[in-house]
Structures are given as structure tokens and as C-alpha cells.
Amino acid sequence: MSNLLLTGLMIDSVLIIVAVLMQPSKQDDAMSALSGGSPDLFQQQKARGFEAFMQRVTVVLGVIFFVLALALAYLSSH
């Protein structure tokens, strides 16, 4: 059981990395990354299309990662 959960955790870890790398960039250029923000900070728009999908995928994968990590910790302590 522990090996199955560990394998699932490793696969989920790789999928989280891929999902984060596939998310579109929100920075306009390199200077805005260094200066700390953009002038339209409070004019956030709701994510749509591919961006919204990738955000949901990342959240779901993060929840799965957290649950698998807790299950492995529980199994290792008992």
C-alpha cells in the first residue's frame, strides 16, 4: 500500500511541475518582475479559457498531493 501511494505521489509531483510550467505568464516584461508589480494591480480580470483550466488542474493536483502526503505520513507512523 505504501509503495502504491509513493508511486502516486511521485507521478502527481511530476504532473504538478508540468501544470505549473504550462500556465501562461502574467508578467509583461522582465522589468515588471524586478520592480514588484504593474500599475494596474487592482484591475484583475477573471481567468478564462486555457488559463482558468490550468489553474483548476493545478489546484486539483495540489490537493491530491496533500492527501497522498498525509496518507503516507499516517501509514509510516502506524
C-alpha atoms as a PDB file:
ATOM      1  CA  MET A   1       0.000   0.000   0.000  1.00  0.00           C
ATOM      2  CA  SER A   2       2.822   2.342   0.882  1.00  0.00           C
ATOM      3  CA  ASN A   3       4.557   1.702  -2.435  1.00  0.00           C
ATOM      4  CA  LEU A   4       1.349   2.439  -4.336  1.00  0.00           C
ATOM      5  CA  LEU A   5       0.858   5.745  -2.511  1.00  0.00           C
ATOM      6  CA  LEU A   6       4.509   6.691  -3.008  1.00  0.00           C
ATOM      7  CA  THR A   7       4.262   5.975  -6.736  1.00  0.00           C
ATOM      8  CA  GLY A   8       1.096   8.076  -6.934  1.00  0.00           C
ATOM      9  CA  LEU A   9       2.832  10.901  -5.068  1.00  0.00           C
ATOM     10  CA  MET A  10       5.795  10.850  -7.475  1.00  0.00           C
ATOM     11  CA  ILE A  11       3.517  10.874 -10.534  1.00  0.00           C
ATOM     12  CA  ASP A  12       1.466  13.699  -9.037  1.00  0.00           C
ATOM     13  CA  SER A  13       4.657  15.669  -8.328  1.00  0.00           C
ATOM     14  CA  VAL A  14       5.727  15.469 -11.962  1.00  0.00           C
ATOM     15  CA  LEU A  15       2.236  16.455 -13.124  1.00  0.00           C
ATOM     16  CA  ILE A  16       2.239  19.497 -10.808  1.00  0.00           C
ATOM     17  CA  ILE A  17       5.562  20.622 -12.280  1.00  0.00           C
ATOM     18  CA  VAL A  18       4.221  20.240 -15.818  1.00  0.00           C
ATOM     19  CA  ALA A  19       0.965  22.058 -14.962  1.00  0.00           C
ATOM     20  CA  VAL A  20       2.807  24.993 -13.390  1.00  0.00           C
ATOM     21  CA  LEU A  21       5.168  25.296 -16.344  1.00  0.00           C
ATOM     22  CA  MET A  22       2.252  25.263 -18.801  1.00  0.00           C
ATOM     23  CA  GLN A  23       0.474  28.184 -17.145  1.00  0.00           C
ATOM     24  CA  PRO A  24       0.667  31.389 -19.165  1.00  0.00           C
ATOM     25  CA  SER A  25       2.899  34.138 -17.855  1.00  0.00           C
ATOM     26  CA  LYS A  26       1.270  37.096 -16.131  1.00  0.00           C
ATOM     27  CA  GLN A  27       4.347  39.344 -16.389  1.00  0.00           C
ATOM     28  CA  ASP A  28       4.569  41.901 -19.162  1.00  0.00           C
ATOM     29  CA  ASP A  29       8.344  42.006 -19.266  1.00  0.00           C
ATOM     30  CA  ALA A  30      11.401  41.312 -17.134  1.00  0.00           C
ATOM     31  CA  MET A  31      11.438  44.824 -15.661  1.00  0.00           C
ATOM     32  CA  SER A  32       7.991  44.437 -14.103  1.00  0.00           C
ATOM     33  CA  ALA A  33       9.166  41.244 -12.420  1.00  0.00           C
ATOM     34  CA  LEU A  34      12.064  43.118 -10.837  1.00  0.00           C
ATOM     35  CA  SER A  35      10.150  46.249  -9.888  1.00  0.00           C
ATOM     36  CA  GLY A  36       7.454  44.382  -7.992  1.00  0.00           C
ATOM     37  CA  GLY A  37       4.264  44.910  -9.958  1.00  0.00           C
ATOM     38  CA  SER A  38       2.351  46.671 -12.614  1.00  0.00           C
ATOM     39  CA  PRO A  39       0.359  49.903 -12.453  1.00  0.00           C
ATOM     40  CA  ASP A  40      -2.946  48.092 -12.966  1.00  0.00           C
ATOM     41  CA  LEU A  41      -2.549  45.942  -9.853  1.00  0.00           C
ATOM     42  CA  PHE A  42      -6.166  46.225  -8.751  1.00  0.00           C
ATOM     43  CA  GLN A  43      -7.652  45.758 -12.210  1.00  0.00           C
ATOM     44  CA  GLN A  44      -7.528  41.968 -12.082  1.00  0.00           C
ATOM     45  CA  GLN A  45      -9.604  40.151 -14.647  1.00  0.00           C
ATOM     46  CA  LYS A  46     -11.094  36.740 -14.134  1.00  0.00           C
ATOM     47  CA  ALA A  47      -9.138  33.944 -15.769  1.00  0.00           C
ATOM     48  CA  ARG A  48     -10.837  32.435 -18.809  1.00  0.00           C
ATOM     49  CA  GLY A  49     -10.260  29.593 -21.190  1.00  0.00           C
ATOM     50  CA  PHE A  50      -6.943  27.787 -21.007  1.00  0.00           C
ATOM     51  CA  GLU A  51      -5.684  29.876 -18.078  1.00  0.00           C
ATOM     52  CA  ALA A  52      -8.715  29.018 -15.929  1.00  0.00           C
ATOM     53  CA  PHE A  53      -8.413  25.351 -16.858  1.00  0.00           C
ATOM     54  CA  MET A  54      -4.738  25.239 -15.901  1.00  0.00           C
ATOM     55  CA  GLN A  55      -5.456  26.959 -12.581  1.00  0.00           C
ATOM     56  CA  ARG A  56      -8.092  24.346 -11.752  1.00  0.00           C
ATOM     57  CA  VAL A  57      -5.798  21.492 -12.775  1.00  0.00           C
ATOM     58  CA  THR A  58      -3.022  22.871 -10.570  1.00  0.00           C
ATOM     59  CA  VAL A  59      -5.348  23.194  -7.568  1.00  0.00           C
ATOM     60  CA  VAL A  60      -6.694  19.656  -8.005  1.00  0.00           C
ATOM     61  CA  LEU A  61      -3.182  18.228  -8.340  1.00  0.00           C
ATOM     62  CA  GLY A  62      -2.097  20.158  -5.250  1.00  0.00           C
ATOM     63  CA  VAL A  63      -4.990  18.738  -3.214  1.00  0.00           C
ATOM     64  CA  ILE A  64      -4.166  15.216  -4.417  1.00  0.00           C
ATOM     65  CA  PHE A  65      -0.520  15.772  -3.460  1.00  0.00           C
ATOM     66  CA  PHE A  66      -1.508  16.934   0.026  1.00  0.00           C
ATOM     67  CA  VAL A  67      -3.852  13.966   0.588  1.00  0.00           C
ATOM     68  CA  LEU A  68      -1.268  11.443  -0.619  1.00  0.00           C
ATOM     69  CA  ALA A  69       1.427  13.000   1.572  1.00  0.00           C
ATOM     70  CA  LEU A  70      -0.843  12.837   4.637  1.00  0.00           C
ATOM     71  CA  ALA A  71      -1.768   9.229   3.865  1.00  0.00           C
ATOM     72  CA  LEU A  72       1.909   8.273   3.564  1.00  0.00           C
ATOM     73  CA  ALA A  73       2.716  10.019   6.832  1.00  0.00           C
ATOM     74  CA  TYR A  74      -0.138   8.193   8.557  1.00  0.00           C
ATOM     75  CA  LEU A  75       0.965   4.825   7.177  1.00  0.00           C
ATOM     76  CA  SER A  76       4.571   5.362   8.170  1.00  0.00           C
ATOM     77  CA  SER A  77       3.618   6.218  11.755  1.00  0.00           C
ATOM     78  CA  HIS A  78       1.399   3.156  12.257  1.00  0.00           C
END
